[in-house]
Amino acid sequence: MKGQILDYSVQTNSGVISGTDGSRYTFVGSEWKGDSNPMRGMSVDFEQRDGSAVGVYKSLGGGSSSATSGQKSKMVAALLAIFLGGLGIHKFYLGYTNEGIIQIVITLFTCGVGSLIALIEGIIYLTKGDEEFEQIYVVGQKKWF
């Protein structure tokens, strides 16, 4: 069955998956079969047994691939920040409407300081790994203000 991790706690070594059937399934860390740790928002493939998820794998083609999962591209966000950042275009692209408006105001009222901030954000986007970018800026919807 396919699903998405809703929560995972390193402390308890357990988590919850929302299955495509609309049900929620708990899993323990020993059932995780991936190389990296499970993370909230990650697409997974698993078997259901007695209300629990067993044999949990990261879905192939899911997760951070923007072409298959419909998520936002790190490269597009970075380029928008670097070249059009003063207008907050990268913020709007990532779904941060309020922050995009604030970026425009900062740029207008500080003689372009908002553009410098956006350039730095673009560089930060590029230095993040694909999964880290996805978790922080797309799945987690990190709030700036």
C-alpha atoms as a PDB file:
ATOM      1  CA  MET A   1       0.000   0.000   0.000  1.00  0.00           C
ATOM      2  CA  LYS A   2       1.145   3.550  -0.600  1.00  0.00           C
ATOM      3  CA  GLY A   3       1.006   6.306   1.985  1.00  0.00           C
ATOM      4  CA  GLN A   4       2.679   9.315   3.520  1.00  0.00           C
ATOM      5  CA  ILE A   5       4.440   9.672   6.859  1.00  0.00           C
ATOM      6  CA  LEU A   6       2.437  11.994   9.097  1.00  0.00           C
ATOM      7  CA  ASP A   7       4.813  11.876  12.035  1.00  0.00           C
ATOM      8  CA  TYR A   8       7.970  10.141  13.192  1.00  0.00           C
ATOM      9  CA  SER A   9       9.668  10.452  16.584  1.00  0.00           C
ATOM     10  CA  VAL A  10      13.314   9.519  17.028  1.00  0.00           C
ATOM     11  CA  GLN A  11      12.797   9.428  20.806  1.00  0.00           C
ATOM     12  CA  THR A  12      10.103   6.726  20.672  1.00  0.00           C
ATOM     13  CA  ASN A  13      11.390   5.207  17.407  1.00  0.00           C
ATOM     14  CA  SER A  14       7.834   5.107  16.074  1.00  0.00           C
ATOM     15  CA  GLY A  15       5.619   6.944  13.648  1.00  0.00           C
ATOM     16  CA  VAL A  16       2.269   7.217  11.876  1.00  0.00           C
ATOM     17  CA  ILE A  17       1.504   6.745   8.190  1.00  0.00           C
ATOM     18  CA  SER A  18      -1.599   7.937   6.366  1.00  0.00           C
ATOM     19  CA  GLY A  19      -2.482   5.256   3.837  1.00  0.00           C
ATOM     20  CA  THR A  20      -4.104   5.873   0.471  1.00  0.00           C
ATOM     21  CA  ASP A  21      -7.156   4.048   1.826  1.00  0.00           C
ATOM     22  CA  GLY A  22      -7.719   6.910   4.294  1.00  0.00           C
ATOM     23  CA  SER A  23      -6.632   4.922   7.348  1.00  0.00           C
ATOM     24  CA  ARG A  24      -3.718   5.643   9.653  1.00  0.00           C
ATOM     25  CA  TYR A  25      -1.131   3.024  10.485  1.00  0.00           C
ATOM     26  CA  THR A  26       1.498   3.054  13.212  1.00  0.00           C
ATOM     27  CA  PHE A  27       4.991   1.741  12.595  1.00  0.00           C
ATOM     28  CA  VAL A  28       8.117   1.141  14.621  1.00  0.00           C
ATOM     29  CA  GLY A  29      11.637   2.012  13.540  1.00  0.00           C
ATOM     30  CA  SER A  30      12.606  -1.638  13.078  1.00  0.00           C
ATOM     31  CA  GLU A  31      10.079  -1.820  10.194  1.00  0.00           C
ATOM     32  CA  TRP A  32      11.785   1.064   8.362  1.00  0.00           C
ATOM     33  CA  LYS A  33      13.819  -0.337   5.460  1.00  0.00           C
ATOM     34  CA  GLY A  34      15.378   2.865   4.083  1.00  0.00           C
ATOM     35  CA  ASP A  35      18.949   4.138   4.194  1.00  0.00           C
ATOM     36  CA  SER A  36      17.964   7.515   5.672  1.00  0.00           C
ATOM     37  CA  ASN A  37      15.668   8.234   8.596  1.00  0.00           C
ATOM     38  CA  PRO A  38      11.927   8.477   7.944  1.00  0.00           C
ATOM     39  CA  MET A  39      10.669  12.074   7.790  1.00  0.00           C
ATOM     40  CA  ARG A  40       7.281  13.742   7.939  1.00  0.00           C
ATOM     41  CA  GLY A  41       5.791  14.135   4.469  1.00  0.00           C
ATOM     42  CA  MET A  42       7.840  11.336   2.920  1.00  0.00           C
ATOM     43  CA  SER A  43       5.977   9.077   0.483  1.00  0.00           C
ATOM     44  CA  VAL A  44       6.200   5.426   1.491  1.00  0.00           C
ATOM     45  CA  ASP A  45       5.208   1.944   0.389  1.00  0.00           C
ATOM     46  CA  PHE A  46       4.269  -0.543   3.113  1.00  0.00           C
ATOM     47  CA  GLU A  47       2.264  -3.609   4.013  1.00  0.00           C
ATOM     48  CA  GLN A  48      -0.623  -3.421   6.480  1.00  0.00           C
ATOM     49  CA  ARG A  49      -0.863  -6.029   9.225  1.00  0.00           C
ATOM     50  CA  ASP A  50      -3.305  -5.742  12.166  1.00  0.00           C
ATOM     51  CA  GLY A  51      -3.561  -1.949  11.871  1.00  0.00           C
ATOM     52  CA  SER A  52       0.199  -1.481  11.760  1.00  0.00           C
ATOM     53  CA  ALA A  53       2.537  -0.750   8.889  1.00  0.00           C
ATOM     54  CA  VAL A  54       5.256  -3.314   8.306  1.00  0.00           C
ATOM     55  CA  GLY A  55       8.056  -3.421   5.786  1.00  0.00           C
ATOM     56  CA  VAL A  56       8.026   0.367   5.286  1.00  0.00           C
ATOM     57  CA  TYR A  57      10.043   1.633   2.305  1.00  0.00           C
ATOM     58  CA  LYS A  58      10.524   5.084   0.849  1.00  0.00           C
ATOM     59  CA  SER A  59       8.482   5.135  -2.358  1.00  0.00           C
ATOM     60  CA  LEU A  60      10.510   5.081  -5.523  1.00  0.00           C
ATOM     61  CA  GLY A  61       9.847   8.233  -7.509  1.00  0.00           C
ATOM     62  CA  GLY A  62       8.253   9.959  -4.494  1.00  0.00           C
ATOM     63  CA  GLY A  63       9.680  12.281  -1.912  1.00  0.00           C
ATOM     64  CA  SER A  64      11.817  15.066  -3.285  1.00  0.00           C
ATOM     65  CA  SER A  65      11.429  14.512  -7.017  1.00  0.00           C
ATOM     66  CA  SER A  66       9.393  17.435  -8.271  1.00  0.00           C
ATOM     67  CA  ALA A  67       8.576  15.756 -11.573  1.00  0.00           C
ATOM     68  CA  THR A  68       6.851  12.799  -9.937  1.00  0.00           C
ATOM     69  CA  SER A  69       5.463  14.212  -6.709  1.00  0.00           C
ATOM     70  CA  GLY A  70       4.225  17.598  -7.905  1.00  0.00           C
ATOM     71  CA  GLN A  71       6.381  19.378  -5.345  1.00  0.00           C
ATOM     72  CA  LYS A  72       8.404  22.557  -5.849  1.00  0.00           C
ATOM     73  CA  SER A  73      11.821  22.532  -7.489  1.00  0.00           C
ATOM     74  CA  LYS A  74      14.791  23.658  -5.417  1.00  0.00           C
ATOM     75  CA  MET A  75      16.583  24.932  -8.527  1.00  0.00           C
ATOM     76  CA  VAL A  76      13.588  26.986  -9.718  1.00  0.00           C
ATOM     77  CA  ALA A  77      13.144  28.518  -6.249  1.00  0.00           C
ATOM     78  CA  ALA A  78      16.854  29.374  -6.053  1.00  0.00           C
ATOM     79  CA  LEU A  79      16.947  30.971  -9.512  1.00  0.00           C
ATOM     80  CA  LEU A  80      13.798  32.978  -8.793  1.00  0.00           C
ATOM     81  CA  ALA A  81      15.343  34.181  -5.521  1.00  0.00           C
ATOM     82  CA  ILE A  82      18.629  35.148  -7.161  1.00  0.00           C
ATOM     83  CA  PHE A  83      17.204  36.926 -10.206  1.00  0.00           C
ATOM     84  CA  LEU A  84      13.734  38.132  -9.115  1.00  0.00           C
ATOM     85  CA  GLY A  85      14.033  37.891  -5.338  1.00  0.00           C
ATOM     86  CA  GLY A  86      13.404  41.551  -4.644  1.00  0.00           C
ATOM     87  CA  LEU A  87       9.896  41.064  -5.997  1.00  0.00           C
ATOM     88  CA  GLY A  88       9.356  38.075  -3.694  1.00  0.00           C
ATOM     89  CA  ILE A  89       8.678  35.766  -6.643  1.00  0.00           C
ATOM     90  CA  HIS A  90      10.467  32.830  -4.968  1.00  0.00           C
ATOM     91  CA  LYS A  91       8.263  33.238  -1.888  1.00  0.00           C
ATOM     92  CA  PHE A  92       5.090  33.155  -3.981  1.00  0.00           C
ATOM     93  CA  TYR A  93       6.418  30.114  -5.870  1.00  0.00           C
ATOM     94  CA  LEU A  94       6.932  28.226  -2.600  1.00  0.00           C
ATOM     95  CA  GLY A  95       3.469  29.180  -1.335  1.00  0.00           C
ATOM     96  CA  TYR A  96       4.517  31.881   1.145  1.00  0.00           C
ATOM     97  CA  THR A  97       2.170  34.668   0.053  1.00  0.00           C
ATOM     98  CA  ASN A  98       2.489  36.857   3.144  1.00  0.00           C
ATOM     99  CA  GLU A  99       6.282  36.570   3.112  1.00  0.00           C
ATOM    100  CA  GLY A 100       6.296  37.458  -0.612  1.00  0.00           C
ATOM    101  CA  ILE A 101       4.365  40.645   0.063  1.00  0.00           C
ATOM    102  CA  ILE A 102       6.714  41.506   2.932  1.00  0.00           C
ATOM    103  CA  GLN A 103       9.698  40.910   0.614  1.00  0.00           C
ATOM    104  CA  ILE A 104       8.287  43.416  -1.905  1.00  0.00           C
ATOM    105  CA  VAL A 105       7.712  46.017   0.821  1.00  0.00           C
ATOM    106  CA  ILE A 106      11.223  45.548   2.223  1.00  0.00           C
ATOM    107  CA  THR A 107      12.714  45.975  -1.255  1.00  0.00           C
ATOM    108  CA  LEU A 108      10.681  49.099  -2.002  1.00  0.00           C
ATOM    109  CA  PHE A 109      11.262  50.879   1.300  1.00  0.00           C
ATOM    110  CA  THR A 110      14.917  49.993   1.893  1.00  0.00           C
ATOM    111  CA  CYS A 111      16.405  50.813  -1.518  1.00  0.00           C
ATOM    112  CA  GLY A 112      16.826  47.180  -2.558  1.00  0.00           C
ATOM    113  CA  VAL A 113      17.948  45.523   0.679  1.00  0.00           C
ATOM    114  CA  GLY A 114      15.211  42.943   0.059  1.00  0.00           C
ATOM    115  CA  SER A 115      17.031  41.922  -3.124  1.00  0.00           C
ATOM    116  CA  LEU A 116      20.206  41.251  -1.144  1.00  0.00           C
ATOM    117  CA  ILE A 117      18.224  39.154   1.351  1.00  0.00           C
ATOM    118  CA  ALA A 118      16.695  37.193  -1.538  1.00  0.00           C
ATOM    119  CA  LEU A 119      20.132  36.578  -3.068  1.00  0.00           C
ATOM    120  CA  ILE A 120      21.269  35.071   0.232  1.00  0.00           C
ATOM    121  CA  GLU A 121      18.094  32.946   0.378  1.00  0.00           C
ATOM    122  CA  GLY A 122      18.777  31.683  -3.143  1.00  0.00           C
ATOM    123  CA  ILE A 123      22.260  30.602  -2.125  1.00  0.00           C
ATOM    124  CA  ILE A 124      20.842  28.889   0.981  1.00  0.00           C
ATOM    125  CA  TYR A 125      18.353  26.990  -1.204  1.00  0.00           C
ATOM    126  CA  LEU A 126      21.213  25.765  -3.395  1.00  0.00           C
ATOM    127  CA  THR A 127      23.258  24.561  -0.413  1.00  0.00           C
ATOM    128  CA  LYS A 128      20.426  22.426   0.970  1.00  0.00           C
ATOM    129  CA  GLY A 129      20.114  18.802  -0.079  1.00  0.00           C
ATOM    130  CA  ASP A 130      17.009  17.946  -2.108  1.00  0.00           C
ATOM    131  CA  GLU A 131      15.283  16.110   0.751  1.00  0.00           C
ATOM    132  CA  GLU A 132      16.223  18.780   3.285  1.00  0.00           C
ATOM    133  CA  PHE A 133      14.896  21.537   0.994  1.00  0.00           C
ATOM    134  CA  GLU A 134      11.661  19.578   0.482  1.00  0.00           C
ATOM    135  CA  GLN A 135      11.169  19.043   4.224  1.00  0.00           C
ATOM    136  CA  ILE A 136      11.946  22.613   5.287  1.00  0.00           C
ATOM    137  CA  TYR A 137      10.411  24.754   2.544  1.00  0.00           C
ATOM    138  CA  VAL A 138       7.729  22.594   0.917  1.00  0.00           C
ATOM    139  CA  VAL A 139       6.427  19.966   3.362  1.00  0.00           C
ATOM    140  CA  GLY A 140       7.151  21.893   6.565  1.00  0.00           C
ATOM    141  CA  GLN A 141       6.072  25.238   5.140  1.00  0.00           C
ATOM    142  CA  LYS A 142       8.663  27.023   7.268  1.00  0.00           C
ATOM    143  CA  LYS A 143       7.269  30.368   8.352  1.00  0.00           C
ATOM    144  CA  TRP A 144       9.568  33.353   8.293  1.00  0.00           C
ATOM    145  CA  PHE A 145       7.325  35.938   9.965  1.00  0.00           C
END
